[in-house]
Amino acid sequence: MNRRGGPPSLLPTLTEVWTEPVPDRDKKLPGARPRHDAPPGAVGPPDGEPGEEQLVRAVLQDVQRHVDLMLEYRLRASLTPLLTQLADTLVRELRQELSETLHDVVKRSVNQELVRRRKR
């Protein structure tokens, strides 16, 4: 149900949970490598698999992208009528100001011309 210009109809969902085995402090799992941000003796996932930090970053980036899209959509939807109304009001006020200014300029010009004609 994706309306034209609407929010994305498919939002990501977490369907799998990746858990890292917790080894004994003195044991290392075969194929596991130490994590750089972990205390000495800790092990990370086997080579080729993303670590927890990488998964967190990837999920955060994906969520941030969707949040940005939704925020932009909602801001546009909320601001469009307000900006249209503001633009209409601004145009109306500017026309009124222009009309008043034009009226004043013409009035002054006519008065100056009348003064010139009287002096002749």
N, C-alpha and C. Protein backbone atom coordinates (compact mmCIF):
# COMPACT_ATOMS: atom_id res chain seq x y z
N MET A 1 0.83 -1.17 0.00
CA MET A 1 0.00 0.00 0.00
C MET A 1 0.88 1.24 0.00
N ASN A 2 1.64 1.40 -1.05
CA ASN A 2 2.55 2.53 -1.16
C ASN A 2 1.91 3.59 -2.02
N ARG A 3 1.47 4.68 -1.39
CA ARG A 3 0.88 5.77 -2.14
C ARG A 3 1.99 6.50 -2.89
N ARG A 4 1.60 7.15 -3.96
CA ARG A 4 2.58 7.92 -4.74
C ARG A 4 3.18 9.00 -3.85
N GLY A 5 4.52 8.99 -3.74
CA GLY A 5 5.21 9.97 -2.92
C GLY A 5 5.14 9.65 -1.44
N GLY A 6 4.60 8.47 -1.11
CA GLY A 6 4.42 8.10 0.29
C GLY A 6 5.64 7.41 0.86
N PRO A 7 5.52 6.96 2.07
CA PRO A 7 6.65 6.29 2.71
C PRO A 7 6.86 4.91 2.09
N PRO A 8 8.04 4.37 2.24
CA PRO A 8 8.28 3.03 1.71
C PRO A 8 7.33 2.03 2.34
N SER A 9 6.81 1.12 1.53
CA SER A 9 5.84 0.17 2.06
C SER A 9 6.52 -0.96 2.83
N LEU A 10 7.77 -1.23 2.51
CA LEU A 10 8.47 -2.32 3.19
C LEU A 10 9.52 -1.71 4.12
N LEU A 11 9.34 -1.93 5.38
CA LEU A 11 10.33 -1.48 6.35
C LEU A 11 11.11 -2.69 6.81
N PRO A 12 12.39 -2.53 7.08
CA PRO A 12 13.21 -3.70 7.45
C PRO A 12 12.80 -4.23 8.81
N THR A 13 12.91 -5.53 8.93
CA THR A 13 12.66 -6.16 10.22
C THR A 13 13.82 -7.09 10.52
N LEU A 14 14.10 -7.26 11.77
CA LEU A 14 15.17 -8.16 12.18
C LEU A 14 14.58 -9.56 12.22
N THR A 15 15.06 -10.42 11.34
CA THR A 15 14.50 -11.77 11.26
C THR A 15 15.44 -12.83 11.82
N GLU A 16 16.71 -12.50 11.92
CA GLU A 16 17.66 -13.45 12.47
C GLU A 16 18.44 -12.79 13.59
N VAL A 17 18.72 -13.56 14.60
CA VAL A 17 19.54 -13.07 15.69
C VAL A 17 20.84 -13.84 15.66
N TRP A 18 21.94 -13.13 15.56
CA TRP A 18 23.25 -13.76 15.53
C TRP A 18 23.85 -13.66 16.91
N THR A 19 24.16 -14.80 17.46
CA THR A 19 24.77 -14.80 18.78
C THR A 19 26.15 -15.40 18.69
N GLU A 20 27.03 -14.84 19.47
CA GLU A 20 28.40 -15.30 19.50
C GLU A 20 28.55 -16.24 20.69
N PRO A 21 29.14 -17.42 20.51
CA PRO A 21 29.32 -18.31 21.65
C PRO A 21 30.25 -17.66 22.67
N VAL A 22 29.95 -17.89 23.92
CA VAL A 22 30.78 -17.34 24.99
C VAL A 22 31.72 -18.44 25.45
N PRO A 23 33.00 -18.33 25.10
CA PRO A 23 33.96 -19.39 25.48
C PRO A 23 34.39 -19.22 26.92
N ASP A 24 34.92 -20.31 27.45
CA ASP A 24 35.54 -20.20 28.78
C ASP A 24 36.72 -19.26 28.66
N ARG A 25 37.09 -18.63 29.77
CA ARG A 25 38.19 -17.66 29.72
C ARG A 25 39.49 -18.28 29.22
N ASP A 26 39.75 -19.49 29.58
CA ASP A 26 41.03 -20.08 29.23
C ASP A 26 40.99 -20.88 27.93
N LYS A 27 39.80 -21.10 27.38
CA LYS A 27 39.68 -21.89 26.16
C LYS A 27 39.47 -20.97 24.97
N LYS A 28 40.02 -21.36 23.83
CA LYS A 28 39.77 -20.62 22.61
C LYS A 28 39.05 -21.57 21.65
N LEU A 29 38.08 -21.02 20.92
CA LEU A 29 37.37 -21.83 19.94
C LEU A 29 38.22 -21.99 18.70
N PRO A 30 38.20 -23.18 18.09
CA PRO A 30 38.95 -23.35 16.85
C PRO A 30 38.38 -22.44 15.77
N GLY A 31 39.25 -21.78 15.04
CA GLY A 31 38.81 -20.90 13.96
C GLY A 31 38.40 -19.52 14.42
N ALA A 32 38.38 -19.27 15.72
CA ALA A 32 38.00 -17.96 16.21
C ALA A 32 39.24 -17.09 16.32
N ARG A 33 39.05 -15.80 16.19
CA ARG A 33 40.17 -14.88 16.32
C ARG A 33 39.88 -13.88 17.43
N PRO A 34 40.91 -13.37 18.08
CA PRO A 34 40.68 -12.40 19.15
C PRO A 34 40.06 -11.13 18.60
N ARG A 35 39.18 -10.53 19.39
CA ARG A 35 38.58 -9.25 19.01
C ARG A 35 39.51 -8.14 19.46
N HIS A 36 39.62 -7.08 18.64
CA HIS A 36 40.53 -5.99 18.96
C HIS A 36 40.02 -5.14 20.10
N ASP A 37 38.69 -5.05 20.25
CA ASP A 37 38.13 -4.21 21.30
C ASP A 37 37.79 -5.01 22.56
N ALA A 38 38.11 -6.29 22.53
CA ALA A 38 37.78 -7.15 23.67
C ALA A 38 39.00 -7.28 24.58
N PRO A 39 38.76 -7.67 25.83
CA PRO A 39 39.89 -7.89 26.74
C PRO A 39 40.71 -9.07 26.28
N PRO A 40 41.97 -9.15 26.70
CA PRO A 40 42.82 -10.27 26.29
C PRO A 40 42.19 -11.61 26.67
N GLY A 41 42.29 -12.56 25.77
CA GLY A 41 41.72 -13.88 26.02
C GLY A 41 40.34 -14.05 25.40
N ALA A 42 39.68 -12.96 25.01
CA ALA A 42 38.36 -13.07 24.39
C ALA A 42 38.53 -13.43 22.93
N VAL A 43 37.54 -14.07 22.37
CA VAL A 43 37.60 -14.46 20.96
C VAL A 43 36.45 -13.84 20.21
N GLY A 44 36.65 -13.66 18.93
CA GLY A 44 35.61 -13.10 18.07
C GLY A 44 35.05 -14.17 17.18
N PRO A 45 34.28 -13.77 16.20
CA PRO A 45 33.68 -14.74 15.28
C PRO A 45 34.74 -15.33 14.36
N PRO A 46 34.46 -16.49 13.79
CA PRO A 46 35.41 -17.08 12.85
C PRO A 46 35.62 -16.14 11.66
N ASP A 47 36.77 -16.30 11.00
CA ASP A 47 37.09 -15.44 9.84
C ASP A 47 35.96 -15.46 8.82
N GLY A 48 35.70 -14.29 8.24
CA GLY A 48 34.68 -14.19 7.20
C GLY A 48 33.31 -13.82 7.72
N GLU A 49 33.06 -13.98 8.99
CA GLU A 49 31.76 -13.59 9.55
C GLU A 49 31.87 -12.21 10.18
N PRO A 50 30.83 -11.39 10.03
CA PRO A 50 30.90 -10.06 10.62
C PRO A 50 30.84 -10.13 12.14
N GLY A 51 31.58 -9.23 12.78
CA GLY A 51 31.57 -9.16 14.23
C GLY A 51 30.34 -8.39 14.71
N GLU A 52 30.14 -8.41 16.02
CA GLU A 52 28.99 -7.72 16.61
C GLU A 52 29.00 -6.24 16.28
N GLU A 53 30.18 -5.62 16.38
CA GLU A 53 30.29 -4.18 16.11
C GLU A 53 29.92 -3.88 14.66
N GLN A 54 30.37 -4.72 13.74
CA GLN A 54 30.04 -4.53 12.32
C GLN A 54 28.54 -4.67 12.09
N LEU A 55 27.93 -5.66 12.73
CA LEU A 55 26.49 -5.84 12.58
C LEU A 55 25.72 -4.65 13.15
N VAL A 56 26.17 -4.17 14.31
CA VAL A 56 25.52 -3.01 14.91
C VAL A 56 25.61 -1.82 13.97
N ARG A 57 26.79 -1.59 13.41
CA ARG A 57 26.96 -0.47 12.47
C ARG A 57 26.06 -0.63 11.25
N ALA A 58 26.02 -1.82 10.69
CA ALA A 58 25.21 -2.07 9.50
C ALA A 58 23.73 -1.84 9.79
N VAL A 59 23.26 -2.38 10.91
CA VAL A 59 21.85 -2.20 11.27
C VAL A 59 21.55 -0.73 11.54
N LEU A 60 22.44 -0.04 12.26
CA LEU A 60 22.24 1.38 12.53
C LEU A 60 22.20 2.19 11.24
N GLN A 61 23.07 1.88 10.30
CA GLN A 61 23.06 2.60 9.02
C GLN A 61 21.76 2.37 8.28
N ASP A 62 21.29 1.13 8.27
CA ASP A 62 20.04 0.80 7.58
C ASP A 62 18.85 1.50 8.25
N VAL A 63 18.81 1.43 9.57
CA VAL A 63 17.72 2.09 10.30
C VAL A 63 17.78 3.60 10.09
N GLN A 64 18.99 4.18 10.14
CA GLN A 64 19.14 5.62 9.94
C GLN A 64 18.66 6.04 8.55
N ARG A 65 18.97 5.24 7.55
CA ARG A 65 18.52 5.54 6.19
C ARG A 65 16.99 5.55 6.11
N HIS A 66 16.37 4.57 6.73
CA HIS A 66 14.90 4.52 6.72
C HIS A 66 14.30 5.65 7.54
N VAL A 67 14.91 5.97 8.67
CA VAL A 67 14.43 7.09 9.49
C VAL A 67 14.54 8.39 8.70
N ASP A 68 15.66 8.58 8.00
CA ASP A 68 15.84 9.79 7.19
C ASP A 68 14.77 9.90 6.11
N LEU A 69 14.49 8.79 5.44
CA LEU A 69 13.46 8.81 4.40
C LEU A 69 12.09 9.13 4.98
N MET A 70 11.76 8.51 6.10
CA MET A 70 10.46 8.75 6.72
C MET A 70 10.36 10.18 7.23
N LEU A 71 11.44 10.68 7.83
CA LEU A 71 11.44 12.05 8.32
C LEU A 71 11.25 13.03 7.18
N GLU A 72 11.96 12.82 6.08
CA GLU A 72 11.82 13.70 4.93
C GLU A 72 10.39 13.66 4.39
N TYR A 73 9.83 12.47 4.27
CA TYR A 73 8.45 12.34 3.77
C TYR A 73 7.47 13.08 4.68
N ARG A 74 7.59 12.86 5.98
CA ARG A 74 6.65 13.50 6.90
C ARG A 74 6.84 15.01 6.96
N LEU A 75 8.08 15.46 6.91
CA LEU A 75 8.32 16.90 6.90
C LEU A 75 7.72 17.54 5.65
N ARG A 76 7.95 16.90 4.51
CA ARG A 76 7.37 17.43 3.27
C ARG A 76 5.84 17.44 3.34
N ALA A 77 5.26 16.36 3.85
CA ALA A 77 3.81 16.27 3.94
C ALA A 77 3.26 17.34 4.89
N SER A 78 3.97 17.62 5.97
CA SER A 78 3.52 18.60 6.95
C SER A 78 3.77 20.03 6.48
N LEU A 79 4.92 20.24 5.86
CA LEU A 79 5.31 21.60 5.51
C LEU A 79 4.70 22.10 4.20
N THR A 80 4.35 21.20 3.29
CA THR A 80 3.83 21.63 1.99
C THR A 80 2.60 22.53 2.13
N PRO A 81 1.57 22.13 2.89
CA PRO A 81 0.41 23.04 3.00
C PRO A 81 0.76 24.34 3.71
N LEU A 82 1.62 24.26 4.71
CA LEU A 82 2.01 25.48 5.43
C LEU A 82 2.79 26.43 4.53
N LEU A 83 3.71 25.90 3.75
CA LEU A 83 4.50 26.74 2.86
C LEU A 83 3.63 27.31 1.74
N THR A 84 2.67 26.54 1.26
CA THR A 84 1.75 27.04 0.24
C THR A 84 0.94 28.20 0.80
N GLN A 85 0.42 28.03 2.00
CA GLN A 85 -0.36 29.10 2.64
C GLN A 85 0.52 30.33 2.88
N LEU A 86 1.74 30.12 3.33
CA LEU A 86 2.66 31.22 3.57
C LEU A 86 2.98 31.96 2.27
N ALA A 87 3.22 31.21 1.21
CA ALA A 87 3.51 31.83 -0.09
C ALA A 87 2.32 32.64 -0.58
N ASP A 88 1.10 32.10 -0.44
CA ASP A 88 -0.10 32.84 -0.84
C ASP A 88 -0.25 34.13 -0.05
N THR A 89 -0.04 34.05 1.25
CA THR A 89 -0.14 35.24 2.10
C THR A 89 0.93 36.26 1.72
N LEU A 90 2.14 35.78 1.48
CA LEU A 90 3.23 36.67 1.10
C LEU A 90 2.94 37.38 -0.21
N VAL A 91 2.46 36.63 -1.21
CA VAL A 91 2.12 37.23 -2.50
C VAL A 91 1.02 38.27 -2.33
N ARG A 92 0.00 37.95 -1.55
CA ARG A 92 -1.11 38.89 -1.32
C ARG A 92 -0.60 40.17 -0.65
N GLU A 93 0.24 40.03 0.37
CA GLU A 93 0.78 41.20 1.07
C GLU A 93 1.70 42.01 0.17
N LEU A 94 2.53 41.34 -0.63
CA LEU A 94 3.42 42.05 -1.55
C LEU A 94 2.63 42.80 -2.62
N ARG A 95 1.57 42.20 -3.11
CA ARG A 95 0.72 42.90 -4.09
C ARG A 95 0.11 44.16 -3.47
N GLN A 96 -0.34 44.03 -2.23
CA GLN A 96 -0.92 45.18 -1.53
C GLN A 96 0.13 46.28 -1.36
N GLU A 97 1.34 45.90 -0.90
CA GLU A 97 2.42 46.87 -0.74
C GLU A 97 2.78 47.51 -2.07
N LEU A 98 2.88 46.71 -3.12
CA LEU A 98 3.21 47.24 -4.44
C LEU A 98 2.13 48.21 -4.92
N SER A 99 0.89 47.83 -4.69
CA SER A 99 -0.22 48.70 -5.08
C SER A 99 -0.15 50.04 -4.35
N GLU A 100 0.10 49.99 -3.03
CA GLU A 100 0.21 51.23 -2.25
C GLU A 100 1.39 52.07 -2.71
N THR A 101 2.53 51.42 -2.95
CA THR A 101 3.71 52.14 -3.40
C THR A 101 3.48 52.77 -4.77
N LEU A 102 2.90 52.00 -5.66
CA LEU A 102 2.59 52.52 -7.00
C LEU A 102 1.63 53.70 -6.91
N HIS A 103 0.63 53.59 -6.05
CA HIS A 103 -0.33 54.68 -5.86
C HIS A 103 0.38 55.93 -5.37
N ASP A 104 1.29 55.78 -4.41
CA ASP A 104 2.05 56.93 -3.89
C ASP A 104 2.95 57.55 -4.97
N VAL A 105 3.61 56.73 -5.75
CA VAL A 105 4.50 57.24 -6.80
C VAL A 105 3.70 58.02 -7.84
N VAL A 106 2.56 57.47 -8.26
CA VAL A 106 1.72 58.16 -9.25
C VAL A 106 1.19 59.46 -8.67
N LYS A 107 0.76 59.44 -7.42
CA LYS A 107 0.23 60.65 -6.77
C LYS A 107 1.30 61.74 -6.71
N ARG A 108 2.52 61.39 -6.33
CA ARG A 108 3.61 62.37 -6.28
C ARG A 108 3.93 62.91 -7.68
N SER A 109 3.96 62.01 -8.65
CA SER A 109 4.26 62.44 -10.02
C SER A 109 3.20 63.41 -10.52
N VAL A 110 1.94 63.12 -10.26
CA VAL A 110 0.85 64.00 -10.68
C VAL A 110 0.97 65.34 -9.97
N ASN A 111 1.25 65.34 -8.67
CA ASN A 111 1.40 66.59 -7.92
C ASN A 111 2.57 67.42 -8.46
N GLN A 112 3.69 66.76 -8.77
CA GLN A 112 4.84 67.48 -9.32
C GLN A 112 4.50 68.08 -10.68
N GLU A 113 3.78 67.35 -11.49
CA GLU A 113 3.39 67.85 -12.81
C GLU A 113 2.43 69.03 -12.66
N LEU A 114 1.51 68.96 -11.72
CA LEU A 114 0.58 70.07 -11.48
C LEU A 114 1.33 71.32 -11.02
N VAL A 115 2.33 71.14 -10.15
CA VAL A 115 3.13 72.27 -9.68
C VAL A 115 3.89 72.89 -10.85
N ARG A 116 4.45 72.10 -11.73
CA ARG A 116 5.17 72.60 -12.91
C ARG A 116 4.22 73.42 -13.80
N ARG A 117 3.03 72.90 -14.01
CA ARG A 117 2.06 73.58 -14.90
C ARG A 117 1.61 74.92 -14.30
N ARG A 118 1.50 74.97 -12.97
CA ARG A 118 1.07 76.21 -12.31
C ARG A 118 2.15 77.29 -12.42
N LYS A 119 3.39 76.88 -12.39
CA LYS A 119 4.49 77.83 -12.45
C LYS A 119 4.62 78.46 -13.85
N ARG A 120 4.09 77.93 -14.83
CA ARG A 120 4.22 78.43 -16.19
C ARG A 120 3.41 79.63 -16.40
